[in-house]
Amino acid sequence: MLHSPSEKIRFVFVHFDGVVLENILAPITYSVVSKLGGIYSAEIENNVFARSQSHAASFIIRELNLNLSINDIIDLYYKERKQYEESHSIRMNPGVKNFLLLLQSLGYTVVSYGGAPKDYFLKHVKDLAPLFGHEKYIQTKDFRPGVKEIIFNNYGLKPWEALFIDEEFIIAQASKDLLVPFIGMSTGFDYSYQKQEMEKLGVKYLIHSLDEIDSEYLECIQREVTNGKIWTKI
C-alpha cells in the first residue's frame, strides 16, 4: 500500500528501559528464573517482557511448575530488582543525547514509554527531559504491549506516522501487526533471545547502539514507509 509522500513519520516512541537506559529487565528476569530452578528461554522472555505483571507471573508459574502465587512471583521480582539496583549503576545507553538532538533537528516529536512510573523517567533522564515532546513519557503498565493504545488512543495517529524503537520482540510483533515502522535494538546479553526472535519476525532494522542511527538511516526508513514496504521482505 503506497502512502502519500506528505504522510511522514511524525512521532518517534522510544522504550525507556532498554533504549534510553541500559536494559535491566533481562538480567533481573534471568536471575529470577535461575533462582527458581528454571531454564531460561525465548518463551519466558516473550511472556514476561512488555507483558502485564499478572500475565508474566502466571506464565512463569506454569512454565516452571511452581507452587507459588502470582503475588509471590511479583514480590520476588521486586526483591530481585531492588538488589540489582543497589549493586548496579543504572546508566544511559551510549549516544542518547546525540540521537535526541538529531531527532529534534529533523522535526520529530519524541516520546518515551515503559512500565515504570513517570517519576522514574524524570529521575534518570535529568537534563535531557527538554528533548522529549510535551508529554515526554507514557506509562504502559496497565496496557501492554501498548503500541496500539499509544498510537490510536493517545495521539490519534495513522500507523505510518509513528516509529517505535524497542529491544523487545513483543513490541516488534505488535508493530508488525499494525504495519508500524520499527527499529529493534539488541541488548547485547548473550543469554537473551530477543534479537533472534526479531530477526525471525522479519525486523529489517536492527541496531546495537543509537549511534548507528543518522539522518540517512531515518530517510531510508521513511522511503520504505512511503512505498508501503516497511514490513515487506523485498
C-alpha atoms as a PDB file:
ATOM      1  CA  MET A   1       0.000   0.000   0.000  1.00  0.00           C
ATOM      2  CA  LEU A   2       1.573   3.247  -1.162  1.00  0.00           C
ATOM      3  CA  HIS A   3       1.265   6.315   1.022  1.00  0.00           C
ATOM      4  CA  SER A   4       1.400   9.951   0.011  1.00  0.00           C
ATOM      5  CA  PRO A   5       4.905  11.445   0.297  1.00  0.00           C
ATOM      6  CA  SER A   6       3.341  14.089   2.539  1.00  0.00           C
ATOM      7  CA  GLU A   7       2.380  11.436   5.088  1.00  0.00           C
ATOM      8  CA  LYS A   8       5.590  11.186   7.036  1.00  0.00           C
ATOM      9  CA  ILE A   9       6.713   9.727  10.304  1.00  0.00           C
ATOM     10  CA  ARG A  10       5.961  12.413  12.868  1.00  0.00           C
ATOM     11  CA  PHE A  11       6.494  10.754  16.228  1.00  0.00           C
ATOM     12  CA  VAL A  12       9.350   8.588  17.482  1.00  0.00           C
ATOM     13  CA  PHE A  13       8.454   6.468  20.507  1.00  0.00           C
ATOM     14  CA  VAL A  14      11.450   5.089  22.395  1.00  0.00           C
ATOM     15  CA  HIS A  15      11.352   2.475  25.131  1.00  0.00           C
ATOM     16  CA  PHE A  16      12.916   3.935  28.241  1.00  0.00           C
ATOM     17  CA  ASP A  17      14.364   0.847  29.957  1.00  0.00           C
ATOM     18  CA  GLY A  18      16.400  -0.662  27.159  1.00  0.00           C
ATOM     19  CA  VAL A  19      16.754   2.087  24.558  1.00  0.00           C
ATOM     20  CA  VAL A  20      17.290   5.256  26.599  1.00  0.00           C
ATOM     21  CA  LEU A  21      18.603   3.411  29.646  1.00  0.00           C
ATOM     22  CA  GLU A  22      20.624   0.225  29.637  1.00  0.00           C
ATOM     23  CA  ASN A  23      18.256  -2.722  29.888  1.00  0.00           C
ATOM     24  CA  ILE A  24      17.842  -4.187  33.382  1.00  0.00           C
ATOM     25  CA  LEU A  25      14.739  -6.347  32.889  1.00  0.00           C
ATOM     26  CA  ALA A  26      16.628  -9.115  31.073  1.00  0.00           C
ATOM     27  CA  PRO A  27      19.276  -9.701  33.771  1.00  0.00           C
ATOM     28  CA  ILE A  28      16.671  -9.455  36.544  1.00  0.00           C
ATOM     29  CA  THR A  29      14.369 -11.943  34.797  1.00  0.00           C
ATOM     30  CA  TYR A  30      17.304 -14.258  34.090  1.00  0.00           C
ATOM     31  CA  SER A  31      18.266 -14.184  37.760  1.00  0.00           C
ATOM     32  CA  VAL A  32      14.696 -14.801  38.971  1.00  0.00           C
ATOM     33  CA  VAL A  33      14.233 -17.785  36.641  1.00  0.00           C
ATOM     34  CA  SER A  34      17.609 -19.247  37.627  1.00  0.00           C
ATOM     35  CA  LYS A  35      16.863 -18.931  41.349  1.00  0.00           C
ATOM     36  CA  LEU A  36      13.525 -20.674  40.801  1.00  0.00           C
ATOM     37  CA  GLY A  37      15.335 -23.575  39.134  1.00  0.00           C
ATOM     38  CA  GLY A  38      14.001 -22.866  35.657  1.00  0.00           C
ATOM     39  CA  ILE A  39      15.607 -22.948  32.224  1.00  0.00           C
ATOM     40  CA  TYR A  40      15.707 -19.513  30.622  1.00  0.00           C
ATOM     41  CA  SER A  41      14.075 -19.465  27.187  1.00  0.00           C
ATOM     42  CA  ALA A  42      12.637 -17.315  24.418  1.00  0.00           C
ATOM     43  CA  GLU A  43       9.161 -18.314  25.585  1.00  0.00           C
ATOM     44  CA  ILE A  44       9.861 -16.911  29.035  1.00  0.00           C
ATOM     45  CA  GLU A  45      11.193 -13.648  27.615  1.00  0.00           C
ATOM     46  CA  ASN A  46       8.241 -13.287  25.252  1.00  0.00           C
ATOM     47  CA  ASN A  47       5.782 -13.843  28.087  1.00  0.00           C
ATOM     48  CA  VAL A  48       7.496 -11.500  30.529  1.00  0.00           C
ATOM     49  CA  PHE A  49       8.853  -8.572  28.520  1.00  0.00           C
ATOM     50  CA  ALA A  50       6.188  -5.957  27.641  1.00  0.00           C
ATOM     51  CA  ARG A  51       3.532  -8.061  29.342  1.00  0.00           C
ATOM     52  CA  SER A  52       1.335  -7.303  32.337  1.00  0.00           C
ATOM     53  CA  GLN A  53       2.722  -8.431  35.683  1.00  0.00           C
ATOM     54  CA  SER A  54      -0.128 -10.921  36.138  1.00  0.00           C
ATOM     55  CA  HIS A  55       0.479 -12.463  32.708  1.00  0.00           C
ATOM     56  CA  ALA A  56       4.231 -12.695  33.298  1.00  0.00           C
ATOM     57  CA  ALA A  57       3.873 -14.201  36.775  1.00  0.00           C
ATOM     58  CA  SER A  58       1.202 -16.686  35.665  1.00  0.00           C
ATOM     59  CA  PHE A  59       3.357 -17.858  32.778  1.00  0.00           C
ATOM     60  CA  ILE A  60       6.415 -18.384  34.982  1.00  0.00           C
ATOM     61  CA  ILE A  61       4.322 -20.397  37.466  1.00  0.00           C
ATOM     62  CA  ARG A  62       3.003 -22.654  34.687  1.00  0.00           C
ATOM     63  CA  GLU A  63       6.281 -22.931  32.808  1.00  0.00           C
ATOM     64  CA  LEU A  64       8.321 -23.806  35.896  1.00  0.00           C
ATOM     65  CA  ASN A  65       5.513 -25.813  37.543  1.00  0.00           C
ATOM     66  CA  LEU A  66       5.743 -23.789  40.735  1.00  0.00           C
ATOM     67  CA  ASN A  67       3.581 -23.967  43.811  1.00  0.00           C
ATOM     68  CA  LEU A  68       3.602 -20.190  44.225  1.00  0.00           C
ATOM     69  CA  SER A  69       1.038 -17.426  43.798  1.00  0.00           C
ATOM     70  CA  ILE A  70       1.109 -14.581  41.301  1.00  0.00           C
ATOM     71  CA  ASN A  71       1.888 -12.180  44.149  1.00  0.00           C
ATOM     72  CA  ASP A  72       4.760 -14.397  45.280  1.00  0.00           C
ATOM     73  CA  ILE A  73       6.374 -14.103  41.839  1.00  0.00           C
ATOM     74  CA  ILE A  74       5.775 -10.355  41.628  1.00  0.00           C
ATOM     75  CA  ASP A  75       7.268  -9.872  45.102  1.00  0.00           C
ATOM     76  CA  LEU A  76      10.278 -11.968  44.102  1.00  0.00           C
ATOM     77  CA  TYR A  77      10.749  -9.807  41.000  1.00  0.00           C
ATOM     78  CA  TYR A  78      10.724  -6.580  43.029  1.00  0.00           C
ATOM     79  CA  LYS A  79      13.115  -8.056  45.586  1.00  0.00           C
ATOM     80  CA  GLU A  80      15.495  -9.041  42.802  1.00  0.00           C
ATOM     81  CA  ARG A  81      15.112  -5.627  41.149  1.00  0.00           C
ATOM     82  CA  LYS A  82      15.932  -3.850  44.411  1.00  0.00           C
ATOM     83  CA  GLN A  83      19.071  -5.959  44.822  1.00  0.00           C
ATOM     84  CA  TYR A  84      20.081  -5.310  41.222  1.00  0.00           C
ATOM     85  CA  GLU A  85      19.623  -1.546  41.517  1.00  0.00           C
ATOM     86  CA  GLU A  86      21.628  -1.493  44.751  1.00  0.00           C
ATOM     87  CA  SER A  87      24.555  -3.315  43.152  1.00  0.00           C
ATOM     88  CA  HIS A  88      24.497  -1.784  39.647  1.00  0.00           C
ATOM     89  CA  SER A  89      24.546   1.751  38.317  1.00  0.00           C
ATOM     90  CA  ILE A  90      21.607   2.407  36.019  1.00  0.00           C
ATOM     91  CA  ARG A  91      23.155   4.247  33.107  1.00  0.00           C
ATOM     92  CA  MET A  92      22.047   5.764  29.859  1.00  0.00           C
ATOM     93  CA  ASN A  93      22.906   3.926  26.697  1.00  0.00           C
ATOM     94  CA  PRO A  94      25.686   5.442  24.578  1.00  0.00           C
ATOM     95  CA  GLY A  95      24.605   8.053  22.071  1.00  0.00           C
ATOM     96  CA  VAL A  96      21.268   9.012  23.653  1.00  0.00           C
ATOM     97  CA  LYS A  97      21.840  12.776  23.755  1.00  0.00           C
ATOM     98  CA  ASN A  98      23.143  12.982  20.179  1.00  0.00           C
ATOM     99  CA  PHE A  99      20.254  10.820  18.984  1.00  0.00           C
ATOM    100  CA  LEU A 100      17.669  13.023  20.683  1.00  0.00           C
ATOM    101  CA  LEU A 101      19.307  16.144  19.256  1.00  0.00           C
ATOM    102  CA  LEU A 102      19.225  14.568  15.790  1.00  0.00           C
ATOM    103  CA  LEU A 103      15.515  13.784  16.079  1.00  0.00           C
ATOM    104  CA  GLN A 104      14.828  17.297  17.311  1.00  0.00           C
ATOM    105  CA  SER A 105      16.746  18.825  14.396  1.00  0.00           C
ATOM    106  CA  LEU A 106      14.737  16.723  11.936  1.00  0.00           C
ATOM    107  CA  GLY A 107      11.436  17.849  13.409  1.00  0.00           C
ATOM    108  CA  TYR A 108      10.299  14.615  15.063  1.00  0.00           C
ATOM    109  CA  THR A 109       8.351  14.633  18.322  1.00  0.00           C
ATOM    110  CA  VAL A 110       9.992  12.169  20.710  1.00  0.00           C
ATOM    111  CA  VAL A 111       8.090  10.417  23.480  1.00  0.00           C
ATOM    112  CA  SER A 112       9.409   7.702  25.767  1.00  0.00           C
ATOM    113  CA  TYR A 113       7.354   4.885  27.251  1.00  0.00           C
ATOM    114  CA  GLY A 114       7.689   1.992  29.667  1.00  0.00           C
ATOM    115  CA  GLY A 115       6.183   0.179  32.607  1.00  0.00           C
ATOM    116  CA  ALA A 116       7.811   2.287  35.318  1.00  0.00           C
ATOM    117  CA  PRO A 117       6.170   5.432  36.759  1.00  0.00           C
ATOM    118  CA  LYS A 118       6.878   8.817  35.191  1.00  0.00           C
ATOM    119  CA  ASP A 119       8.896   9.822  38.269  1.00  0.00           C
ATOM    120  CA  TYR A 120      11.358   7.042  37.386  1.00  0.00           C
ATOM    121  CA  PHE A 121      11.713   8.517  33.898  1.00  0.00           C
ATOM    122  CA  LEU A 122      12.279  12.061  35.214  1.00  0.00           C
ATOM    123  CA  LYS A 123      14.766  10.845  37.836  1.00  0.00           C
ATOM    124  CA  HIS A 124      17.007   9.187  35.270  1.00  0.00           C
ATOM    125  CA  VAL A 125      16.549  11.362  32.174  1.00  0.00           C
ATOM    126  CA  LYS A 126      17.518  14.516  34.109  1.00  0.00           C
ATOM    127  CA  ASP A 127      18.629  17.410  31.894  1.00  0.00           C
ATOM    128  CA  LEU A 128      17.652  15.612  28.678  1.00  0.00           C
ATOM    129  CA  ALA A 129      13.942  15.972  29.517  1.00  0.00           C
ATOM    130  CA  PRO A 130      13.511  19.088  27.284  1.00  0.00           C
ATOM    131  CA  LEU A 131      14.497  16.999  24.246  1.00  0.00           C
ATOM    132  CA  PHE A 132      11.308  14.976  24.608  1.00  0.00           C
ATOM    133  CA  GLY A 133       7.888  16.188  23.499  1.00  0.00           C
ATOM    134  CA  HIS A 134       5.286  17.817  25.721  1.00  0.00           C
ATOM    135  CA  GLU A 135       4.037  14.558  27.249  1.00  0.00           C
ATOM    136  CA  LYS A 136       7.614  13.245  27.484  1.00  0.00           C
ATOM    137  CA  TYR A 137       6.706   9.806  28.880  1.00  0.00           C
ATOM    138  CA  ILE A 138       3.807   7.327  28.807  1.00  0.00           C
ATOM    139  CA  GLN A 139       3.494   4.653  31.478  1.00  0.00           C
ATOM    140  CA  THR A 140       2.261   1.467  29.793  1.00  0.00           C
ATOM    141  CA  LYS A 141       1.947  -0.737  32.879  1.00  0.00           C
ATOM    142  CA  ASP A 142      -1.840  -1.009  32.508  1.00  0.00           C
ATOM    143  CA  PHE A 143      -1.976  -1.581  28.735  1.00  0.00           C
ATOM    144  CA  ARG A 144       0.662  -3.934  27.439  1.00  0.00           C
ATOM    145  CA  PRO A 145       2.274  -4.073  24.995  1.00  0.00           C
ATOM    146  CA  GLY A 146       0.874  -0.592  24.300  1.00  0.00           C
ATOM    147  CA  VAL A 147       1.646   0.129  20.639  1.00  0.00           C
ATOM    148  CA  LYS A 148      -1.999   0.316  19.589  1.00  0.00           C
ATOM    149  CA  GLU A 149      -3.028   2.374  22.614  1.00  0.00           C
ATOM    150  CA  ILE A 150      -0.198   4.874  22.214  1.00  0.00           C
ATOM    151  CA  ILE A 151      -0.784   5.403  18.505  1.00  0.00           C
ATOM    152  CA  PHE A 152      -4.565   5.468  18.368  1.00  0.00           C
ATOM    153  CA  ASN A 153      -5.775   6.430  21.845  1.00  0.00           C
ATOM    154  CA  ASN A 154      -3.040   8.802  22.998  1.00  0.00           C
ATOM    155  CA  TYR A 155      -2.195  10.543  19.728  1.00  0.00           C
ATOM    156  CA  GLY A 156      -4.747   9.607  17.072  1.00  0.00           C
ATOM    157  CA  LEU A 157      -2.013   8.788  14.565  1.00  0.00           C
ATOM    158  CA  LYS A 158      -2.023   6.692  11.442  1.00  0.00           C
ATOM    159  CA  PRO A 159       0.284   3.667  11.783  1.00  0.00           C
ATOM    160  CA  TRP A 160       2.962   5.038   9.460  1.00  0.00           C
ATOM    161  CA  GLU A 161       3.161   8.329  11.363  1.00  0.00           C
ATOM    162  CA  ALA A 162       4.855   6.591  14.307  1.00  0.00           C
ATOM    163  CA  LEU A 163       8.250   4.950  14.621  1.00  0.00           C
ATOM    164  CA  PHE A 164       8.884   2.662  17.602  1.00  0.00           C
ATOM    165  CA  ILE A 165      12.346   1.794  18.872  1.00  0.00           C
ATOM    166  CA  ASP A 166      12.464  -1.081  21.333  1.00  0.00           C
ATOM    167  CA  GLU A 167      14.566  -4.074  22.368  1.00  0.00           C
ATOM    168  CA  GLU A 168      11.564  -6.354  22.939  1.00  0.00           C
ATOM    169  CA  PHE A 169      10.124  -8.832  20.456  1.00  0.00           C
ATOM    170  CA  ILE A 170       6.527  -8.330  21.623  1.00  0.00           C
ATOM    171  CA  ILE A 171       6.683  -4.637  20.693  1.00  0.00           C
ATOM    172  CA  ALA A 172       8.106  -5.598  17.298  1.00  0.00           C
ATOM    173  CA  GLN A 173       5.274  -8.075  16.812  1.00  0.00           C
ATOM    174  CA  ALA A 174       2.631  -5.510  17.786  1.00  0.00           C
ATOM    175  CA  SER A 175       4.222  -3.014  15.384  1.00  0.00           C
ATOM    176  CA  LYS A 176       4.229  -5.530  12.551  1.00  0.00           C
ATOM    177  CA  ASP A 177       0.578  -6.405  13.157  1.00  0.00           C
ATOM    178  CA  LEU A 178      -0.304  -2.721  12.730  1.00  0.00           C
ATOM    179  CA  LEU A 179       2.303  -2.034   9.992  1.00  0.00           C
ATOM    180  CA  VAL A 180       4.020   0.490  12.251  1.00  0.00           C
ATOM    181  CA  PRO A 181       7.657   1.373  11.447  1.00  0.00           C
ATOM    182  CA  PHE A 182      10.024  -0.262  13.926  1.00  0.00           C
ATOM    183  CA  ILE A 183      13.708  -0.345  14.863  1.00  0.00           C
ATOM    184  CA  GLY A 184      14.907  -3.193  17.070  1.00  0.00           C
ATOM    185  CA  MET A 185      17.785  -2.693  19.476  1.00  0.00           C
ATOM    186  CA  SER A 186      19.969  -5.516  20.759  1.00  0.00           C
ATOM    187  CA  THR A 187      20.715  -5.522  24.480  1.00  0.00           C
ATOM    188  CA  GLY A 188      23.910  -7.492  23.954  1.00  0.00           C
ATOM    189  CA  PHE A 189      23.170 -10.120  26.626  1.00  0.00           C
ATOM    190  CA  ASP A 190      24.442 -13.461  25.344  1.00  0.00           C
ATOM    191  CA  TYR A 191      21.575 -15.344  27.028  1.00  0.00           C
ATOM    192  CA  SER A 192      18.825 -13.189  25.513  1.00  0.00           C
ATOM    193  CA  TYR A 193      16.669 -14.368  22.616  1.00  0.00           C
ATOM    194  CA  GLN A 194      15.117 -11.040  21.669  1.00  0.00           C
ATOM    195  CA  LYS A 195      17.398 -10.207  18.750  1.00  0.00           C
ATOM    196  CA  GLN A 196      16.958 -13.577  17.067  1.00  0.00           C
ATOM    197  CA  GLU A 197      13.218 -13.505  17.749  1.00  0.00           C
ATOM    198  CA  MET A 198      13.009 -10.137  15.975  1.00  0.00           C
ATOM    199  CA  GLU A 199      15.092 -11.472  13.094  1.00  0.00           C
ATOM    200  CA  LYS A 200      12.674 -14.407  12.701  1.00  0.00           C
ATOM    201  CA  LEU A 201       9.774 -11.949  12.721  1.00  0.00           C
ATOM    202  CA  GLY A 202      11.306 -10.053   9.818  1.00  0.00           C
ATOM    203  CA  VAL A 203      12.512  -6.878  11.511  1.00  0.00           C
ATOM    204  CA  LYS A 204      14.664  -5.157   8.893  1.00  0.00           C
ATOM    205  CA  TYR A 205      16.235  -2.521  11.083  1.00  0.00           C
ATOM    206  CA  LEU A 206      18.273  -3.876  13.990  1.00  0.00           C
ATOM    207  CA  ILE A 207      20.904  -1.865  15.840  1.00  0.00           C
ATOM    208  CA  HIS A 208      23.344  -2.412  18.683  1.00  0.00           C
ATOM    209  CA  SER A 209      23.647   1.279  19.537  1.00  0.00           C
ATOM    210  CA  LEU A 210      21.762   4.508  18.888  1.00  0.00           C
ATOM    211  CA  ASP A 211      24.997   5.800  17.355  1.00  0.00           C
ATOM    212  CA  GLU A 212      24.126   3.705  14.294  1.00  0.00           C
ATOM    213  CA  ILE A 213      21.093   5.887  13.507  1.00  0.00           C
ATOM    214  CA  ASP A 214      21.782   9.015  11.475  1.00  0.00           C
ATOM    215  CA  SER A 215      19.649  11.127   9.151  1.00  0.00           C
ATOM    216  CA  GLU A 216      20.336   8.806   6.203  1.00  0.00           C
ATOM    217  CA  TYR A 217      19.190   5.795   8.241  1.00  0.00           C
ATOM    218  CA  LEU A 218      15.931   7.554   9.076  1.00  0.00           C
ATOM    219  CA  GLU A 219      15.468   8.689   5.465  1.00  0.00           C
ATOM    220  CA  CYS A 220      15.775   5.068   4.344  1.00  0.00           C
ATOM    221  CA  ILE A 221      13.018   4.049   6.743  1.00  0.00           C
ATOM    222  CA  GLN A 222      10.849   6.934   5.543  1.00  0.00           C
ATOM    223  CA  ARG A 223      11.270   5.866   1.914  1.00  0.00           C
ATOM    224  CA  GLU A 224      10.150   2.345   2.771  1.00  0.00           C
ATOM    225  CA  VAL A 225       7.183   3.730   4.703  1.00  0.00           C
ATOM    226  CA  THR A 226       6.182   5.941   1.762  1.00  0.00           C
ATOM    227  CA  ASN A 227       6.439   2.956  -0.592  1.00  0.00           C
ATOM    228  CA  GLY A 228       4.497   0.692   1.764  1.00  0.00           C
ATOM    229  CA  LYS A 229       7.465  -1.673   2.174  1.00  0.00           C
ATOM    230  CA  ILE A 230       8.462  -1.215   5.804  1.00  0.00           C
ATOM    231  CA  TRP A 231       7.415  -4.768   6.698  1.00  0.00           C
ATOM    232  CA  THR A 232       7.886  -6.480   3.330  1.00  0.00           C
ATOM    233  CA  LYS A 233      10.762  -8.859   2.628  1.00  0.00           C
ATOM    234  CA  ILE A 234      11.864  -7.102  -0.545  1.00  0.00           C
END
